[in-house]
Amino acid sequence: MELAYQDIGEGYPVIILHGLFGAAKNWNSIAKQMARKYRILTLDLRNHGSSPWTDTMSYTEMAADVVEFLDQRGLDKAAIVGHSMGGKVAMTTALKSQERVDRLVVADIAPVKYPRMTFKSYVEKLQSVDLTGVKRRSEVDPLIADVIESPAVRAFLLGNLETTKDGLRWQVNLETLGREMETIGGVPAIRPDSTYTGETLFINGAQSDYVQSSHHQLIRHLFPQVKFKTIEDAGHWVHAEKPHDFMNALYDFLP
């Protein structure tokens, strides 16, 4: 697997993993600022961004992709920061390849099953759009507004459209995402007695319900060195809504 990535800065390596429908480019602003202190490597996970498309995307596979990326870059270990789906990839990588993860940061996700069907409906709606003859993203926006009501969410999803000589195309592999949505929303395939003993930080938005107090016991079992940080006035996209607070939490945690 040759994951697409961006590499900026020097020094202590920090790998950033995006969430579902995301890409490395979503982290450009944070990466540029943090590159003053660290080497920041933002990855496009499989079936996203400019990375290869595959028929499956289990967390075991995606964690193996991250370890392979470390090998390809000649990195013995790195800090790994993951948001949402990327947070589950980061957790799986830490639990399965502990020696390769120096520190772990998980943003607004827990190692539990999420029975949400919202994203499934998003995939189905995006798949239904006929892009023939469409030249601009703005033309697609009204075509998905009946299912995806939030302008901010529509803008985020439309960021997955790229312009080619033949018109617009989706960079994200909608077919695989639709088929694997239950896997993506499920629990990573990890042994119940697994633990990651490195320093760990869970960051969540105060207005998000993804990480609940009832999840803390399981999180502490899997990650005994965990610390929790709640960012006020932020929801699930905590890094985008409160970037400075998010970066300050990382600066306080990273060496």
Protein backbone atom coordinates (compact mmCIF):
# COMPACT_ATOMS: atom_id res chain seq x y z
CA MET A 1 0.00 0.00 0.00
CA GLU A 2 1.41 3.36 -1.06
CA LEU A 3 -0.61 5.88 0.90
CA ALA A 4 -0.60 9.46 -0.37
CA TYR A 5 0.75 11.88 2.21
CA GLN A 6 2.06 15.33 2.94
CA ASP A 7 5.31 15.83 4.86
CA ILE A 8 6.18 19.18 6.40
CA GLY A 9 8.58 20.33 9.12
CA GLU A 10 11.45 18.60 10.88
CA GLY A 11 12.12 16.84 14.15
CA TYR A 12 9.85 14.62 16.23
CA PRO A 13 7.48 12.83 13.81
CA VAL A 14 3.73 13.20 14.24
CA ILE A 15 1.37 11.29 11.94
CA ILE A 16 -2.17 12.64 11.50
CA LEU A 17 -5.04 10.44 10.33
CA HIS A 18 -8.27 12.01 9.05
CA GLY A 19 -11.83 10.81 9.58
CA LEU A 20 -14.45 9.38 7.25
CA PHE A 21 -14.82 11.39 4.01
CA GLY A 22 -11.72 13.38 5.02
CA ALA A 23 -8.24 13.73 3.56
CA ALA A 24 -4.80 14.98 4.48
CA LYS A 25 -5.58 18.38 2.93
CA ASN A 26 -8.20 19.02 5.62
CA TRP A 27 -5.34 19.33 8.12
CA ASN A 28 -3.19 21.74 6.08
CA SER A 29 -3.65 24.73 8.38
CA ILE A 30 -2.90 22.79 11.56
CA ALA A 31 0.00 20.96 9.90
CA LYS A 32 1.65 24.21 8.77
CA GLN A 33 1.46 25.71 12.24
CA MET A 34 2.63 22.58 14.06
CA ALA A 35 5.48 22.12 11.57
CA ARG A 36 7.27 24.94 13.37
CA LYS A 37 7.97 22.44 16.16
CA TYR A 38 7.49 18.97 14.67
CA ARG A 39 7.68 16.91 11.52
CA ILE A 40 4.03 16.53 10.53
CA LEU A 41 2.97 13.73 8.19
CA THR A 42 -0.69 13.84 7.17
CA LEU A 43 -1.94 10.72 5.40
CA ASP A 44 -4.76 9.93 3.00
CA LEU A 45 -6.16 6.65 4.28
CA ARG A 46 -7.14 3.97 1.75
CA ASN A 47 -10.18 4.82 -0.40
CA HIS A 48 -9.77 8.52 0.46
CA GLY A 49 -7.95 11.45 -1.11
CA SER A 50 -5.19 10.41 -3.50
CA SER A 51 -4.55 7.01 -1.91
CA PRO A 52 -5.36 3.74 -3.69
CA TRP A 53 -8.86 2.31 -3.78
CA THR A 54 -9.45 -1.16 -2.33
CA ASP A 55 -12.46 -3.43 -1.94
CA THR A 56 -12.16 -3.62 1.85
CA MET A 57 -11.16 -1.28 4.65
CA SER A 58 -11.13 -3.02 8.01
CA TYR A 59 -9.32 -1.35 10.87
CA THR A 60 -6.79 -4.17 10.92
CA GLU A 61 -5.96 -3.44 7.28
CA MET A 62 -5.78 0.31 7.80
CA ALA A 63 -3.54 -0.10 10.84
CA ALA A 64 -1.26 -2.31 8.75
CA ASP A 65 -1.20 0.46 6.12
CA VAL A 66 0.08 2.89 8.78
CA VAL A 67 2.82 0.50 9.92
CA GLU A 68 3.82 -0.06 6.30
CA PHE A 69 3.96 3.72 5.85
CA LEU A 70 6.35 3.95 8.84
CA ASP A 71 8.53 1.29 7.24
CA GLN A 72 8.53 3.09 3.89
CA ARG A 73 9.58 6.36 5.53
CA GLY A 74 12.26 4.69 7.67
CA LEU A 75 10.54 5.65 10.93
CA ASP A 76 10.93 3.30 13.88
CA LYS A 77 8.08 5.01 15.69
CA ALA A 78 6.01 8.19 15.71
CA ALA A 79 3.25 9.91 17.61
CA ILE A 80 -0.09 9.19 15.97
CA VAL A 81 -3.05 11.57 16.03
CA GLY A 82 -6.37 10.30 14.67
CA HIS A 83 -9.80 11.90 14.39
CA SER A 84 -13.03 9.87 14.27
CA MET A 85 -12.43 6.95 11.87
CA GLY A 86 -8.76 7.90 11.88
CA GLY A 87 -8.88 7.69 15.68
CA LYS A 88 -10.01 4.08 15.46
CA VAL A 89 -7.18 3.41 13.01
CA ALA A 90 -4.74 5.05 15.45
CA MET A 91 -6.08 2.99 18.38
CA THR A 92 -5.82 -0.23 16.39
CA THR A 93 -2.26 0.60 15.32
CA ALA A 94 -1.25 1.28 18.93
CA LEU A 95 -2.85 -1.91 20.25
CA LYS A 96 -1.48 -4.16 17.50
CA SER A 97 1.95 -2.52 16.97
CA GLN A 98 2.69 -0.87 20.30
CA GLU A 99 6.40 -0.51 19.64
CA ARG A 100 5.74 1.70 16.60
CA VAL A 101 3.53 4.26 18.37
CA ASP A 102 5.44 6.63 20.65
CA ARG A 103 2.35 8.52 21.82
CA LEU A 104 -1.31 8.28 20.92
CA VAL A 105 -3.90 11.04 20.48
CA VAL A 106 -7.51 10.13 19.74
CA ALA A 107 -9.89 12.93 18.75
CA ASP A 108 -13.61 12.52 19.50
CA ILE A 109 -14.11 8.79 19.04
CA ALA A 110 -14.24 5.76 21.34
CA PRO A 111 -13.44 2.07 20.72
CA VAL A 112 -17.13 1.20 20.51
CA LYS A 113 -19.78 0.45 17.89
CA TYR A 114 -21.71 3.45 16.58
CA PRO A 115 -25.15 2.47 15.23
CA ARG A 116 -25.45 5.61 13.10
CA MET A 117 -26.96 5.25 9.63
CA THR A 118 -26.48 8.93 8.72
CA PHE A 119 -23.25 8.34 6.84
CA LYS A 120 -24.79 5.42 4.94
CA SER A 121 -27.49 7.78 3.64
CA TYR A 122 -24.76 10.28 2.69
CA VAL A 123 -22.99 7.65 0.59
CA GLU A 124 -26.21 6.62 -1.12
CA LYS A 125 -27.05 10.24 -1.93
CA LEU A 126 -23.61 11.00 -3.35
CA GLN A 127 -23.77 7.82 -5.44
CA SER A 128 -27.11 8.92 -6.91
CA VAL A 129 -25.68 12.15 -8.33
CA ASP A 130 -25.07 12.07 -12.08
CA LEU A 131 -21.85 14.02 -12.63
CA THR A 132 -22.11 13.90 -16.42
CA GLY A 133 -21.57 17.39 -17.76
CA VAL A 134 -21.13 18.91 -14.29
CA LYS A 135 -18.20 21.33 -14.15
CA ARG A 136 -18.38 22.94 -10.71
CA ARG A 137 -18.92 21.72 -7.15
CA SER A 138 -21.51 24.44 -6.65
CA GLU A 139 -23.72 22.67 -9.18
CA VAL A 140 -23.76 19.52 -7.04
CA ASP A 141 -24.68 21.27 -3.78
CA PRO A 142 -28.42 21.67 -4.47
CA LEU A 143 -28.60 18.10 -5.75
CA ILE A 144 -27.77 16.67 -2.31
CA ALA A 145 -29.46 19.26 -0.08
CA ASP A 146 -32.65 17.23 0.37
CA VAL A 147 -30.77 14.52 2.32
CA ILE A 148 -27.78 16.48 3.63
CA GLU A 149 -29.35 19.58 5.15
CA SER A 150 -26.28 21.17 6.75
CA PRO A 151 -24.42 23.53 4.36
CA ALA A 152 -21.20 22.90 6.32
CA VAL A 153 -21.49 19.12 5.96
CA ARG A 154 -22.30 19.47 2.24
CA ALA A 155 -19.25 21.67 1.75
CA PHE A 156 -17.09 19.10 3.58
CA LEU A 157 -18.39 16.22 1.45
CA LEU A 158 -18.09 18.17 -1.81
CA GLY A 159 -14.41 18.65 -0.99
CA ASN A 160 -14.07 15.06 -2.21
CA LEU A 161 -14.82 16.14 -5.78
CA GLU A 162 -11.82 16.67 -8.03
CA THR A 163 -11.70 18.21 -11.48
CA THR A 164 -10.42 16.07 -14.35
CA LYS A 165 -10.29 16.67 -18.10
CA ASP A 166 -13.54 14.72 -18.34
CA GLY A 167 -15.29 16.69 -15.60
CA LEU A 168 -15.80 16.06 -11.89
CA ARG A 169 -15.14 12.75 -10.16
CA TRP A 170 -15.27 11.53 -6.56
CA GLN A 171 -11.88 11.00 -4.93
CA VAL A 172 -13.47 8.91 -2.21
CA ASN A 173 -14.42 5.32 -3.05
CA LEU A 174 -18.17 5.49 -2.44
CA GLU A 175 -18.80 1.87 -3.42
CA THR A 176 -16.43 0.47 -0.80
CA LEU A 177 -17.51 2.99 1.84
CA GLY A 178 -21.14 2.01 1.37
CA ARG A 179 -20.37 -1.68 1.57
CA GLU A 180 -18.04 -1.32 4.57
CA MET A 181 -20.04 1.23 6.58
CA GLU A 182 -20.94 -1.27 9.29
CA THR A 183 -17.26 -2.18 9.66
CA ILE A 184 -16.28 1.50 9.84
CA GLY A 185 -18.88 2.17 12.51
CA GLY A 186 -18.00 -0.99 14.41
CA VAL A 187 -15.41 -2.00 16.96
CA PRO A 188 -11.83 -2.55 15.78
CA ALA A 189 -10.84 -6.23 15.77
CA ILE A 190 -8.68 -6.21 18.89
CA ARG A 191 -8.30 -8.77 21.66
CA PRO A 192 -10.15 -7.80 24.87
CA ASP A 193 -6.93 -8.24 26.86
CA SER A 194 -5.00 -5.88 24.58
CA THR A 195 -3.45 -2.76 26.09
CA TYR A 196 -1.33 0.11 24.86
CA THR A 197 0.87 1.28 27.71
CA GLY A 198 2.23 4.42 26.05
CA GLU A 199 1.06 7.90 26.91
CA THR A 200 -2.40 8.51 25.49
CA LEU A 201 -4.64 11.55 25.15
CA PHE A 202 -8.35 11.49 24.28
CA ILE A 203 -9.65 14.87 23.13
CA ASN A 204 -13.38 15.37 22.74
CA GLY A 205 -15.72 18.25 22.00
CA ALA A 206 -18.04 19.22 24.83
CA GLN A 207 -20.99 19.35 22.43
CA SER A 208 -20.28 15.96 20.90
CA ASP A 209 -21.82 12.68 22.06
CA TYR A 210 -19.23 10.41 20.48
CA VAL A 211 -17.20 9.93 23.70
CA GLN A 212 -19.40 9.43 26.75
CA SER A 213 -18.51 8.91 30.39
CA SER A 214 -19.77 5.34 30.06
CA HIS A 215 -16.92 4.70 27.57
CA HIS A 216 -14.19 5.78 29.98
CA GLN A 217 -13.85 2.44 31.77
CA LEU A 218 -13.17 0.59 28.52
CA ILE A 219 -10.79 3.32 27.34
CA ARG A 220 -8.85 3.16 30.61
CA HIS A 221 -8.64 -0.64 30.31
CA LEU A 222 -7.19 -0.48 26.80
CA PHE A 223 -5.06 2.62 27.40
CA PRO A 224 -4.03 2.68 31.10
CA GLN A 225 -1.90 5.84 30.70
CA VAL A 226 -4.80 7.82 29.24
CA LYS A 227 -5.64 11.45 29.95
CA PHE A 228 -8.89 13.10 28.90
CA LYS A 229 -9.27 16.61 27.53
CA THR A 230 -12.61 18.26 26.77
CA ILE A 231 -12.70 21.33 24.55
CA GLU A 232 -15.60 23.66 25.26
CA ASP A 233 -17.93 24.96 22.53
CA ALA A 234 -16.77 22.25 20.11
CA GLY A 235 -18.58 19.35 18.51
CA HIS A 236 -17.34 16.26 16.71
CA TRP A 237 -15.05 18.18 14.32
CA VAL A 238 -13.18 19.56 17.32
CA HIS A 239 -9.96 20.30 15.43
CA ALA A 240 -11.79 22.35 12.80
CA GLU A 241 -14.10 24.17 15.19
CA LYS A 242 -11.49 25.04 17.82
CA PRO A 243 -8.10 24.64 16.09
CA HIS A 244 -6.08 26.73 18.54
CA ASP A 245 -7.47 24.90 21.59
CA PHE A 246 -6.88 21.60 19.82
CA MET A 247 -3.26 22.47 18.97
CA ASN A 248 -2.61 23.73 22.51
CA ALA A 249 -3.79 20.36 23.83
CA LEU A 250 -1.34 18.64 21.47
CA TYR A 251 1.52 20.97 22.43
CA ASP A 252 0.91 20.21 26.13
CA PHE A 253 0.94 16.47 25.43
CA LEU A 254 3.65 15.94 22.81
CA PRO A 255 7.35 16.06 23.80
